[in-house]
Amino acid sequence: MSSAPNGRKNRPRSAGNIFQIGKASYRDPERRESTESTRKAQRAVTDCRMIVQEFNTLVALYRELVISIGEISVDCPSIRAEMHKTRTKGCEMARAAHQSLSVISG
């Protein structure tokens, strides 16, 4: 048996003492705000990455439409309309991404 220097036996610490169960943890409100702002910024960056990925996909689609006009001897209005719709959507996405990124960068 091991004894403490003053003659008492060493008792193992309970889980409540080790993990501080039942005690309210103190959190700094400024730290909480910075954590929330960090989460918002990370969410905004993730959203912008998704927008950029969608934009790149749209640009690839537009490129394929342009190439298809060059390959087809007959130019049809439906392909031109699809190109116009794709180009308009791309411009809107670029504006939205620009606004989101300018908010993040401050």
Foldseek 3Di string as FASTA:
>chain_A
DDADPVGHRDDDDDPCVVVVPPDDDDDDVVVVVVVVVVVVLVVLVVVLVVLVVVLVVLVVVLVVLVVVCVVDPDDDVVSVVVNVVSVVVSVVSVVVSVVSVVVSVD
